[in-house]
C-alpha cells in the first residue's frame, strides 16, 4: 500500500514530491495553502503542471490535500459558516486542479449549539459543494477527531452520518482514520477487544470500502484523553505493540498511509518510516 508523510509546500507544491522521492515514499499529503489563514493565494497553472509532472516522474500513487484548520462546517455562526464554505470550495478546487485523490477535512465544532444544529450545517455545506460542481474528481474524506470541546466527528457514528449526507448530495466521499485521534477519543486500539469493536463500528456505520486513508500517529496523551497530540511511532501511549495490533487486521493493511508524526529531531523521518514499514510488513 502507498506510504508517505505530510510534507511542507514551502517553495512550491512540487517540493513535496521532491522530498517524498528522497525518502522513497509513494504517498504525499500537503496543505493546499497556508493552513492558518483565511487569505487564499492563487495557484498558478505552471505550478499545477509542475506538480503533476513531478508526481508522474516520482511514481507517487496517492496524493491527499488537507484543508485549513480554520474551516468549520458545523459552525452555527453565519459569518464563520459562510467563510468556511467558500474556503472549503476553494481548497477543493485546488485539490482537483492538482489531480489529488483526496481532500481531508474535519467536521468542525458546534461551539455549544449541539449536534442537531451541526448536522444541519454539514448538510447545507455538502449541498453547497455539490451545487458548485465540485466533489466528483477528488474524494472528500472526513477525518475523525480527538473529541475536545464541542468537536463533531470524534465518534465514527457521526462521521458515518456526515458521509451519508455527502453521498446523498452526490459527492464522492469517505473516511480518513487517524490512529492518534481514535485512541484519544476512546477507541482502544491497544486492546484486542477494542480492535474488534473498531472494525465492527466501521463496517456498520461507514462501510469498510469507504475507509480510504489512514493517518498513522502515536499519541502523546493517554487513552480517552480527548487531546490531540501526535507522537513519533513507538514513543507514545499507543506504542508499537498497539499500532501493530491495528495493522494486524488485513483490511487496514490495504489502505494508503500518511504519517503526521512530529519529526523534530534529525533522523526522525527515517525512524518513523522504518517503523511504519515494519508495521505494514513492507520492505
C-alpha atoms as a PDB file:
ATOM      1  CA  UNK A   1       0.000   0.000   0.000  1.00  0.00           C
ATOM      2  CA  UNK A   2       1.186   3.597  -0.577  1.00  0.00           C
ATOM      3  CA  UNK A   3       3.102   5.126   2.350  1.00  0.00           C
ATOM      4  CA  UNK A   4       4.288   8.687   2.918  1.00  0.00           C
ATOM      5  CA  UNK A   5       4.289  11.808   5.057  1.00  0.00           C
ATOM      6  CA  UNK A   6       2.508  15.118   5.306  1.00  0.00           C
ATOM      7  CA  UNK A   7       5.060  17.325   3.551  1.00  0.00           C
ATOM      8  CA  UNK A   8       5.583  21.080   3.596  1.00  0.00           C
ATOM      9  CA  UNK A   9       4.796  23.035   0.414  1.00  0.00           C
ATOM     10  CA  UNK A  10       7.334  25.761   1.217  1.00  0.00           C
ATOM     11  CA  UNK A  11       8.960  26.574  -2.090  1.00  0.00           C
ATOM     12  CA  UNK A  12       6.060  25.188  -4.106  1.00  0.00           C
ATOM     13  CA  UNK A  13       3.844  22.113  -4.304  1.00  0.00           C
ATOM     14  CA  UNK A  14       6.389  20.133  -6.307  1.00  0.00           C
ATOM     15  CA  UNK A  15       8.927  20.386  -3.448  1.00  0.00           C
ATOM     16  CA  UNK A  16       6.746  17.944  -1.519  1.00  0.00           C
ATOM     17  CA  UNK A  17       7.224  15.444  -4.349  1.00  0.00           C
ATOM     18  CA  UNK A  18      10.991  16.031  -4.251  1.00  0.00           C
ATOM     19  CA  UNK A  19      11.061  15.243  -0.529  1.00  0.00           C
ATOM     20  CA  UNK A  20       8.898  12.151  -0.976  1.00  0.00           C
ATOM     21  CA  UNK A  21      11.242  10.897  -3.682  1.00  0.00           C
ATOM     22  CA  UNK A  22      14.277  11.460  -1.436  1.00  0.00           C
ATOM     23  CA  UNK A  23      12.721   9.280   1.275  1.00  0.00           C
ATOM     24  CA  UNK A  24      11.407   6.642  -1.117  1.00  0.00           C
ATOM     25  CA  UNK A  25       7.735   7.402  -0.377  1.00  0.00           C
ATOM     26  CA  UNK A  26       4.891   6.766  -2.810  1.00  0.00           C
ATOM     27  CA  UNK A  27       2.219   8.784  -0.978  1.00  0.00           C
ATOM     28  CA  UNK A  28       2.059  12.514  -0.204  1.00  0.00           C
ATOM     29  CA  UNK A  29      -0.183  14.742   1.869  1.00  0.00           C
ATOM     30  CA  UNK A  30       0.066  18.524   1.659  1.00  0.00           C
ATOM     31  CA  UNK A  31      -1.830  21.664   2.534  1.00  0.00           C
ATOM     32  CA  UNK A  32      -3.290  23.436  -0.477  1.00  0.00           C
ATOM     33  CA  UNK A  33      -2.393  26.791   1.078  1.00  0.00           C
ATOM     34  CA  UNK A  34      -1.447  28.450   4.388  1.00  0.00           C
ATOM     35  CA  UNK A  35      -3.387  26.305   6.912  1.00  0.00           C
ATOM     36  CA  UNK A  36      -3.857  29.108   9.442  1.00  0.00           C
ATOM     37  CA  UNK A  37      -5.083  31.971   7.265  1.00  0.00           C
ATOM     38  CA  UNK A  38      -8.375  32.826   5.570  1.00  0.00           C
ATOM     39  CA  UNK A  39      -6.496  34.514   2.723  1.00  0.00           C
ATOM     40  CA  UNK A  40      -6.160  32.396  -0.396  1.00  0.00           C
ATOM     41  CA  UNK A  41      -3.172  32.781  -2.704  1.00  0.00           C
ATOM     42  CA  UNK A  42      -3.991  31.765  -6.300  1.00  0.00           C
ATOM     43  CA  UNK A  43      -2.178  28.697  -7.607  1.00  0.00           C
ATOM     44  CA  UNK A  44      -0.517  29.250 -10.977  1.00  0.00           C
ATOM     45  CA  UNK A  45      -1.074  26.953 -13.927  1.00  0.00           C
ATOM     46  CA  UNK A  46       2.698  26.452 -14.103  1.00  0.00           C
ATOM     47  CA  UNK A  47       2.849  25.200 -10.501  1.00  0.00           C
ATOM     48  CA  UNK A  48      -0.054  22.810 -11.097  1.00  0.00           C
ATOM     49  CA  UNK A  49       1.579  21.354 -14.196  1.00  0.00           C
ATOM     50  CA  UNK A  50       4.958  21.090 -12.445  1.00  0.00           C
ATOM     51  CA  UNK A  51       3.344  19.191  -9.556  1.00  0.00           C
ATOM     52  CA  UNK A  52       1.564  16.768 -11.892  1.00  0.00           C
ATOM     53  CA  UNK A  53       4.726  16.141 -13.899  1.00  0.00           C
ATOM     54  CA  UNK A  54       6.836  15.526 -10.781  1.00  0.00           C
ATOM     55  CA  UNK A  55       4.173  13.218  -9.353  1.00  0.00           C
ATOM     56  CA  UNK A  56       4.304  11.099 -12.501  1.00  0.00           C
ATOM     57  CA  UNK A  57       8.118  11.083 -12.576  1.00  0.00           C
ATOM     58  CA  UNK A  58       8.369  10.084  -8.897  1.00  0.00           C
ATOM     59  CA  UNK A  59       5.679   7.396  -9.110  1.00  0.00           C
ATOM     60  CA  UNK A  60       3.532   8.889  -6.350  1.00  0.00           C
ATOM     61  CA  UNK A  61       0.456   6.674  -6.096  1.00  0.00           C
ATOM     62  CA  UNK A  62      -1.617   8.664  -3.585  1.00  0.00           C
ATOM     63  CA  UNK A  63      -1.948  12.432  -3.111  1.00  0.00           C
ATOM     64  CA  UNK A  64      -4.071  13.930  -0.341  1.00  0.00           C
ATOM     65  CA  UNK A  65      -4.656  17.609   0.368  1.00  0.00           C
ATOM     66  CA  UNK A  66      -5.587  18.609   3.925  1.00  0.00           C
ATOM     67  CA  UNK A  67      -7.856  21.612   4.440  1.00  0.00           C
ATOM     68  CA  UNK A  68      -7.027  24.594   6.620  1.00  0.00           C
ATOM     69  CA  UNK A  69      -7.772  24.282  10.331  1.00  0.00           C
ATOM     70  CA  UNK A  70      -9.962  27.403  10.203  1.00  0.00           C
ATOM     71  CA  UNK A  71     -12.750  25.722   8.235  1.00  0.00           C
ATOM     72  CA  UNK A  72     -15.748  24.884  10.432  1.00  0.00           C
ATOM     73  CA  UNK A  73     -18.502  23.048   8.556  1.00  0.00           C
ATOM     74  CA  UNK A  74     -20.521  22.747  11.783  1.00  0.00           C
ATOM     75  CA  UNK A  75     -20.462  26.384  12.884  1.00  0.00           C
ATOM     76  CA  UNK A  76     -23.792  27.900  13.998  1.00  0.00           C
ATOM     77  CA  UNK A  77     -22.364  31.379  13.307  1.00  0.00           C
ATOM     78  CA  UNK A  78     -23.407  32.546   9.851  1.00  0.00           C
ATOM     79  CA  UNK A  79     -20.259  34.545   9.131  1.00  0.00           C
ATOM     80  CA  UNK A  80     -17.899  31.705  10.064  1.00  0.00           C
ATOM     81  CA  UNK A  81     -20.027  29.128   8.244  1.00  0.00           C
ATOM     82  CA  UNK A  82     -20.206  31.194   5.041  1.00  0.00           C
ATOM     83  CA  UNK A  83     -16.441  31.838   5.083  1.00  0.00           C
ATOM     84  CA  UNK A  84     -15.850  28.133   5.741  1.00  0.00           C
ATOM     85  CA  UNK A  85     -17.956  27.037   2.767  1.00  0.00           C
ATOM     86  CA  UNK A  86     -16.194  29.454   0.432  1.00  0.00           C
ATOM     87  CA  UNK A  87     -12.753  28.413   1.613  1.00  0.00           C
ATOM     88  CA  UNK A  88     -13.658  24.730   1.524  1.00  0.00           C
ATOM     89  CA  UNK A  89     -14.816  25.034  -2.098  1.00  0.00           C
ATOM     90  CA  UNK A  90     -11.672  26.989  -2.999  1.00  0.00           C
ATOM     91  CA  UNK A  91      -9.445  24.338  -1.424  1.00  0.00           C
ATOM     92  CA  UNK A  92     -11.353  21.513  -3.079  1.00  0.00           C
ATOM     93  CA  UNK A  93     -10.908  23.299  -6.403  1.00  0.00           C
ATOM     94  CA  UNK A  94      -7.141  23.457  -5.740  1.00  0.00           C
ATOM     95  CA  UNK A  95      -7.077  19.750  -4.883  1.00  0.00           C
ATOM     96  CA  UNK A  96      -8.964  18.895  -8.059  1.00  0.00           C
ATOM     97  CA  UNK A  97      -6.663  21.074 -10.192  1.00  0.00           C
ATOM     98  CA  UNK A  98      -3.649  19.211  -8.746  1.00  0.00           C
ATOM     99  CA  UNK A  99      -5.290  15.871  -9.518  1.00  0.00           C
ATOM    100  CA  UNK A 100      -5.329  14.955  -5.816  1.00  0.00           C
ATOM    101  CA  UNK A 101      -7.053  11.721  -4.905  1.00  0.00           C
ATOM    102  CA  UNK A 102      -8.398  13.032  -1.599  1.00  0.00           C
ATOM    103  CA  UNK A 103      -9.285  16.217   0.264  1.00  0.00           C
ATOM    104  CA  UNK A 104      -9.135  15.544   4.008  1.00  0.00           C
ATOM    105  CA  UNK A 105     -11.191  17.715   6.342  1.00  0.00           C
ATOM    106  CA  UNK A 106     -12.557  17.808   9.877  1.00  0.00           C
ATOM    107  CA  UNK A 107     -16.242  18.410  10.562  1.00  0.00           C
ATOM    108  CA  UNK A 108     -15.500  21.269  12.945  1.00  0.00           C
ATOM    109  CA  UNK A 109     -17.284  22.294  16.125  1.00  0.00           C
ATOM    110  CA  UNK A 110     -20.857  23.158  17.040  1.00  0.00           C
ATOM    111  CA  UNK A 111     -19.384  25.622  19.601  1.00  0.00           C
ATOM    112  CA  UNK A 112     -22.062  24.531  22.040  1.00  0.00           C
ATOM    113  CA  UNK A 113     -25.083  24.657  19.697  1.00  0.00           C
ATOM    114  CA  UNK A 114     -25.381  20.869  19.687  1.00  0.00           C
ATOM    115  CA  UNK A 115     -25.156  18.021  17.185  1.00  0.00           C
ATOM    116  CA  UNK A 116     -28.544  18.645  15.590  1.00  0.00           C
ATOM    117  CA  UNK A 117     -27.575  22.163  14.551  1.00  0.00           C
ATOM    118  CA  UNK A 118     -24.139  20.935  13.465  1.00  0.00           C
ATOM    119  CA  UNK A 119     -25.532  18.314  11.105  1.00  0.00           C
ATOM    120  CA  UNK A 120     -27.959  20.777   9.546  1.00  0.00           C
ATOM    121  CA  UNK A 121     -24.915  22.913   8.787  1.00  0.00           C
ATOM    122  CA  UNK A 122     -22.974  19.936   7.419  1.00  0.00           C
ATOM    123  CA  UNK A 123     -25.920  19.039   5.178  1.00  0.00           C
ATOM    124  CA  UNK A 124     -26.048  22.618   3.871  1.00  0.00           C
ATOM    125  CA  UNK A 125     -22.279  22.537   3.342  1.00  0.00           C
ATOM    126  CA  UNK A 126     -22.193  19.380   1.226  1.00  0.00           C
ATOM    127  CA  UNK A 127     -25.153  20.615  -0.807  1.00  0.00           C
ATOM    128  CA  UNK A 128     -23.284  23.873  -1.488  1.00  0.00           C
ATOM    129  CA  UNK A 129     -20.208  21.933  -2.613  1.00  0.00           C
ATOM    130  CA  UNK A 130     -22.299  19.820  -4.982  1.00  0.00           C
ATOM    131  CA  UNK A 131     -24.040  22.930  -6.332  1.00  0.00           C
ATOM    132  CA  UNK A 132     -20.622  24.428  -7.075  1.00  0.00           C
ATOM    133  CA  UNK A 133     -19.887  21.430  -9.305  1.00  0.00           C
ATOM    134  CA  UNK A 134     -17.129  20.084  -7.043  1.00  0.00           C
ATOM    135  CA  UNK A 135     -16.585  16.785  -5.260  1.00  0.00           C
ATOM    136  CA  UNK A 136     -16.568  14.288  -8.107  1.00  0.00           C
ATOM    137  CA  UNK A 137     -12.901  14.431  -9.221  1.00  0.00           C
ATOM    138  CA  UNK A 138     -11.329  14.488  -5.740  1.00  0.00           C
ATOM    139  CA  UNK A 139     -12.917  12.391  -2.990  1.00  0.00           C
ATOM    140  CA  UNK A 140     -13.774  14.285   0.208  1.00  0.00           C
ATOM    141  CA  UNK A 141     -12.636  12.414   3.315  1.00  0.00           C
ATOM    142  CA  UNK A 142     -13.991  13.254   6.759  1.00  0.00           C
ATOM    143  CA  UNK A 143     -11.315  12.710   9.414  1.00  0.00           C
ATOM    144  CA  UNK A 144     -12.153  11.557  12.924  1.00  0.00           C
ATOM    145  CA  UNK A 145     -11.227  13.990  15.702  1.00  0.00           C
ATOM    146  CA  UNK A 146      -9.844  13.527  19.210  1.00  0.00           C
ATOM    147  CA  UNK A 147     -13.023  14.916  20.758  1.00  0.00           C
ATOM    148  CA  UNK A 148     -12.114  18.058  22.674  1.00  0.00           C
ATOM    149  CA  UNK A 149     -14.826  20.612  23.449  1.00  0.00           C
ATOM    150  CA  UNK A 150     -17.870  20.604  21.164  1.00  0.00           C
ATOM    151  CA  UNK A 151     -15.999  18.962  18.285  1.00  0.00           C
ATOM    152  CA  UNK A 152     -18.103  16.951  15.847  1.00  0.00           C
ATOM    153  CA  UNK A 153     -16.646  13.733  14.462  1.00  0.00           C
ATOM    154  CA  UNK A 154     -14.827  12.055  17.340  1.00  0.00           C
ATOM    155  CA  UNK A 155     -17.485   9.363  17.059  1.00  0.00           C
ATOM    156  CA  UNK A 156     -17.401   7.234  13.917  1.00  0.00           C
ATOM    157  CA  UNK A 157     -21.193   7.225  14.080  1.00  0.00           C
ATOM    158  CA  UNK A 158     -21.040  10.982  13.445  1.00  0.00           C
ATOM    159  CA  UNK A 159     -18.534  10.506  10.633  1.00  0.00           C
ATOM    160  CA  UNK A 160     -20.849   7.922   9.085  1.00  0.00           C
ATOM    161  CA  UNK A 161     -23.745  10.356   9.252  1.00  0.00           C
ATOM    162  CA  UNK A 162     -21.711  13.063   7.503  1.00  0.00           C
ATOM    163  CA  UNK A 163     -20.647  10.598   4.798  1.00  0.00           C
ATOM    164  CA  UNK A 164     -24.267   9.659   4.152  1.00  0.00           C
ATOM    165  CA  UNK A 165     -25.212  13.349   3.819  1.00  0.00           C
ATOM    166  CA  UNK A 166     -22.363  13.897   1.366  1.00  0.00           C
ATOM    167  CA  UNK A 167     -23.295  10.858  -0.695  1.00  0.00           C
ATOM    168  CA  UNK A 168     -26.924  11.971  -0.798  1.00  0.00           C
ATOM    169  CA  UNK A 169     -25.693  15.309  -2.194  1.00  0.00           C
ATOM    170  CA  UNK A 170     -23.880  13.387  -4.920  1.00  0.00           C
ATOM    171  CA  UNK A 171     -20.316  13.800  -3.647  1.00  0.00           C
ATOM    172  CA  UNK A 172     -17.518  11.235  -3.717  1.00  0.00           C
ATOM    173  CA  UNK A 173     -16.708  10.756  -0.041  1.00  0.00           C
ATOM    174  CA  UNK A 174     -15.239   8.504   2.637  1.00  0.00           C
ATOM    175  CA  UNK A 175     -13.307   8.199   5.912  1.00  0.00           C
ATOM    176  CA  UNK A 176      -9.778   9.179   6.868  1.00  0.00           C
ATOM    177  CA  UNK A 177      -8.999   7.404  10.150  1.00  0.00           C
ATOM    178  CA  UNK A 178      -6.344   8.914  12.409  1.00  0.00           C
ATOM    179  CA  UNK A 179      -4.917   6.439  14.940  1.00  0.00           C
ATOM    180  CA  UNK A 180      -3.932   9.121  17.479  1.00  0.00           C
ATOM    181  CA  UNK A 181      -7.339  10.797  17.304  1.00  0.00           C
ATOM    182  CA  UNK A 182      -9.175   7.481  17.550  1.00  0.00           C
ATOM    183  CA  UNK A 183      -7.167   6.420  20.610  1.00  0.00           C
ATOM    184  CA  UNK A 184      -7.664   9.824  22.287  1.00  0.00           C
ATOM    185  CA  UNK A 185     -11.408   9.670  21.538  1.00  0.00           C
ATOM    186  CA  UNK A 186     -11.821   6.314  23.286  1.00  0.00           C
ATOM    187  CA  UNK A 187     -11.262   3.684  20.594  1.00  0.00           C
ATOM    188  CA  UNK A 188      -8.977   1.223  22.370  1.00  0.00           C
ATOM    189  CA  UNK A 189      -6.539   0.335  19.595  1.00  0.00           C
ATOM    190  CA  UNK A 190      -4.180  -1.007  22.235  1.00  0.00           C
ATOM    191  CA  UNK A 191      -6.528  -3.890  23.140  1.00  0.00           C
ATOM    192  CA  UNK A 192      -7.713  -6.832  21.029  1.00  0.00           C
ATOM    193  CA  UNK A 193     -11.319  -6.324  22.105  1.00  0.00           C
ATOM    194  CA  UNK A 194     -11.028  -2.648  21.185  1.00  0.00           C
ATOM    195  CA  UNK A 195      -9.875  -3.550  17.701  1.00  0.00           C
ATOM    196  CA  UNK A 196     -12.835  -5.907  17.343  1.00  0.00           C
ATOM    197  CA  UNK A 197     -15.153  -3.038  18.299  1.00  0.00           C
ATOM    198  CA  UNK A 198     -13.432  -0.586  15.942  1.00  0.00           C
ATOM    199  CA  UNK A 199     -13.755  -2.898  12.948  1.00  0.00           C
ATOM    200  CA  UNK A 200     -17.385  -3.568  13.828  1.00  0.00           C
ATOM    201  CA  UNK A 201     -18.310   0.133  14.053  1.00  0.00           C
ATOM    202  CA  UNK A 202     -16.539   0.993  10.776  1.00  0.00           C
ATOM    203  CA  UNK A 203     -18.345  -1.826   8.988  1.00  0.00           C
ATOM    204  CA  UNK A 204     -21.722  -0.899  10.467  1.00  0.00           C
ATOM    205  CA  UNK A 205     -21.661   2.914  10.411  1.00  0.00           C
ATOM    206  CA  UNK A 206     -19.408   3.641   7.432  1.00  0.00           C
ATOM    207  CA  UNK A 207     -18.599   0.533   5.423  1.00  0.00           C
ATOM    208  CA  UNK A 208     -15.034  -0.742   5.089  1.00  0.00           C
ATOM    209  CA  UNK A 209     -14.928   0.231   1.402  1.00  0.00           C
ATOM    210  CA  UNK A 210     -15.300   3.883   2.432  1.00  0.00           C
ATOM    211  CA  UNK A 211     -12.127   3.797   4.538  1.00  0.00           C
ATOM    212  CA  UNK A 212      -9.779   5.441   2.040  1.00  0.00           C
ATOM    213  CA  UNK A 213      -6.835   6.818   4.050  1.00  0.00           C
ATOM    214  CA  UNK A 214      -5.081   6.219   7.385  1.00  0.00           C
ATOM    215  CA  UNK A 215      -3.193   8.866   9.348  1.00  0.00           C
ATOM    216  CA  UNK A 216      -0.625   6.858  11.285  1.00  0.00           C
ATOM    217  CA  UNK A 217       0.431   8.588  14.506  1.00  0.00           C
ATOM    218  CA  UNK A 218       1.258   7.584  18.066  1.00  0.00           C
ATOM    219  CA  UNK A 219      -0.339   9.607  20.892  1.00  0.00           C
ATOM    220  CA  UNK A 220       1.413  11.837  23.435  1.00  0.00           C
ATOM    221  CA  UNK A 221      -1.670  11.631  25.662  1.00  0.00           C
ATOM    222  CA  UNK A 222      -3.256   8.606  27.291  1.00  0.00           C
ATOM    223  CA  UNK A 223      -6.284   6.620  26.196  1.00  0.00           C
ATOM    224  CA  UNK A 224      -9.584   8.566  26.042  1.00  0.00           C
ATOM    225  CA  UNK A 225      -7.790  11.844  26.890  1.00  0.00           C
ATOM    226  CA  UNK A 226      -9.751  13.794  24.226  1.00  0.00           C
ATOM    227  CA  UNK A 227      -6.497  15.643  23.499  1.00  0.00           C
ATOM    228  CA  UNK A 228      -4.915  15.702  20.023  1.00  0.00           C
ATOM    229  CA  UNK A 229      -1.128  15.437  20.424  1.00  0.00           C
ATOM    230  CA  UNK A 230       0.802  13.343  17.912  1.00  0.00           C
ATOM    231  CA  UNK A 231       3.906  11.367  18.887  1.00  0.00           C
ATOM    232  CA  UNK A 232       6.546   9.569  16.859  1.00  0.00           C
ATOM    233  CA  UNK A 233       5.778   5.894  16.324  1.00  0.00           C
ATOM    234  CA  UNK A 234       6.608   3.899  19.452  1.00  0.00           C
ATOM    235  CA  UNK A 235       7.130   6.992  21.617  1.00  0.00           C
ATOM    236  CA  UNK A 236       3.504   7.409  22.702  1.00  0.00           C
ATOM    237  CA  UNK A 237       0.765   5.688  24.677  1.00  0.00           C
ATOM    238  CA  UNK A 238      -0.437   3.515  21.781  1.00  0.00           C
ATOM    239  CA  UNK A 239       3.059   2.139  21.274  1.00  0.00           C
ATOM    240  CA  UNK A 240       4.452  -0.143  18.599  1.00  0.00           C
ATOM    241  CA  UNK A 241       2.561  -3.118  20.046  1.00  0.00           C
ATOM    242  CA  UNK A 242      -0.749  -1.251  19.886  1.00  0.00           C
ATOM    243  CA  UNK A 243      -0.114   0.052  16.373  1.00  0.00           C
ATOM    244  CA  UNK A 244       0.922  -3.455  15.362  1.00  0.00           C
ATOM    245  CA  UNK A 245      -2.407  -4.727  16.659  1.00  0.00           C
ATOM    246  CA  UNK A 246      -4.154  -2.127  14.481  1.00  0.00           C
ATOM    247  CA  UNK A 247      -2.344  -3.320  11.377  1.00  0.00           C
ATOM    248  CA  UNK A 248      -2.823  -6.977  12.265  1.00  0.00           C
ATOM    249  CA  UNK A 249      -6.184  -6.525  10.557  1.00  0.00           C
ATOM    250  CA  UNK A 250      -5.677  -7.299   6.878  1.00  0.00           C
ATOM    251  CA  UNK A 251      -8.303  -4.762   5.784  1.00  0.00           C
ATOM    252  CA  UNK A 252      -6.228  -1.890   7.273  1.00  0.00           C
ATOM    253  CA  UNK A 253      -3.025  -3.013   5.530  1.00  0.00           C
ATOM    254  CA  UNK A 254      -4.587  -2.309   2.120  1.00  0.00           C
ATOM    255  CA  UNK A 255      -5.214   1.394   2.770  1.00  0.00           C
ATOM    256  CA  UNK A 256      -2.782   4.238   1.875  1.00  0.00           C
ATOM    257  CA  UNK A 257      -0.962   5.521   4.965  1.00  0.00           C
ATOM    258  CA  UNK A 258       0.179   9.060   5.760  1.00  0.00           C
ATOM    259  CA  UNK A 259       2.486   9.788   8.701  1.00  0.00           C
ATOM    260  CA  UNK A 260       1.874  13.054  10.566  1.00  0.00           C
ATOM    261  CA  UNK A 261       4.476  12.375  13.254  1.00  0.00           C
ATOM    262  CA  UNK A 262       6.321  15.350  14.864  1.00  0.00           C
ATOM    263  CA  UNK A 263       9.813  14.645  13.395  1.00  0.00           C
ATOM    264  CA  UNK A 264      11.544  17.316  15.444  1.00  0.00           C
ATOM    265  CA  UNK A 265      14.992  15.721  15.714  1.00  0.00           C
ATOM    266  CA  UNK A 266      17.433  14.750  12.954  1.00  0.00           C
ATOM    267  CA  UNK A 267      16.665  11.252  11.690  1.00  0.00           C
ATOM    268  CA  UNK A 268      13.048  11.242  12.923  1.00  0.00           C
ATOM    269  CA  UNK A 269      11.647  10.928   9.393  1.00  0.00           C
ATOM    270  CA  UNK A 270      13.763   7.875   8.651  1.00  0.00           C
ATOM    271  CA  UNK A 271      12.999   6.374  12.071  1.00  0.00           C
ATOM    272  CA  UNK A 272       9.250   6.766  11.617  1.00  0.00           C
ATOM    273  CA  UNK A 273       9.362   5.471   8.059  1.00  0.00           C
ATOM    274  CA  UNK A 274      11.245   2.342   9.098  1.00  0.00           C
ATOM    275  CA  UNK A 275       8.803   1.748  11.969  1.00  0.00           C
ATOM    276  CA  UNK A 276       5.835   2.200   9.647  1.00  0.00           C
ATOM    277  CA  UNK A 277       7.268  -0.215   7.085  1.00  0.00           C
ATOM    278  CA  UNK A 278       7.820  -2.801   9.798  1.00  0.00           C
ATOM    279  CA  UNK A 279       4.214  -2.396  10.981  1.00  0.00           C
ATOM    280  CA  UNK A 280       2.918  -2.720   7.429  1.00  0.00           C
ATOM    281  CA  UNK A 281       5.206  -5.596   6.525  1.00  0.00           C
ATOM    282  CA  UNK A 282       6.795  -3.843   3.544  1.00  0.00           C
ATOM    283  CA  UNK A 283      10.466  -3.502   2.579  1.00  0.00           C
END
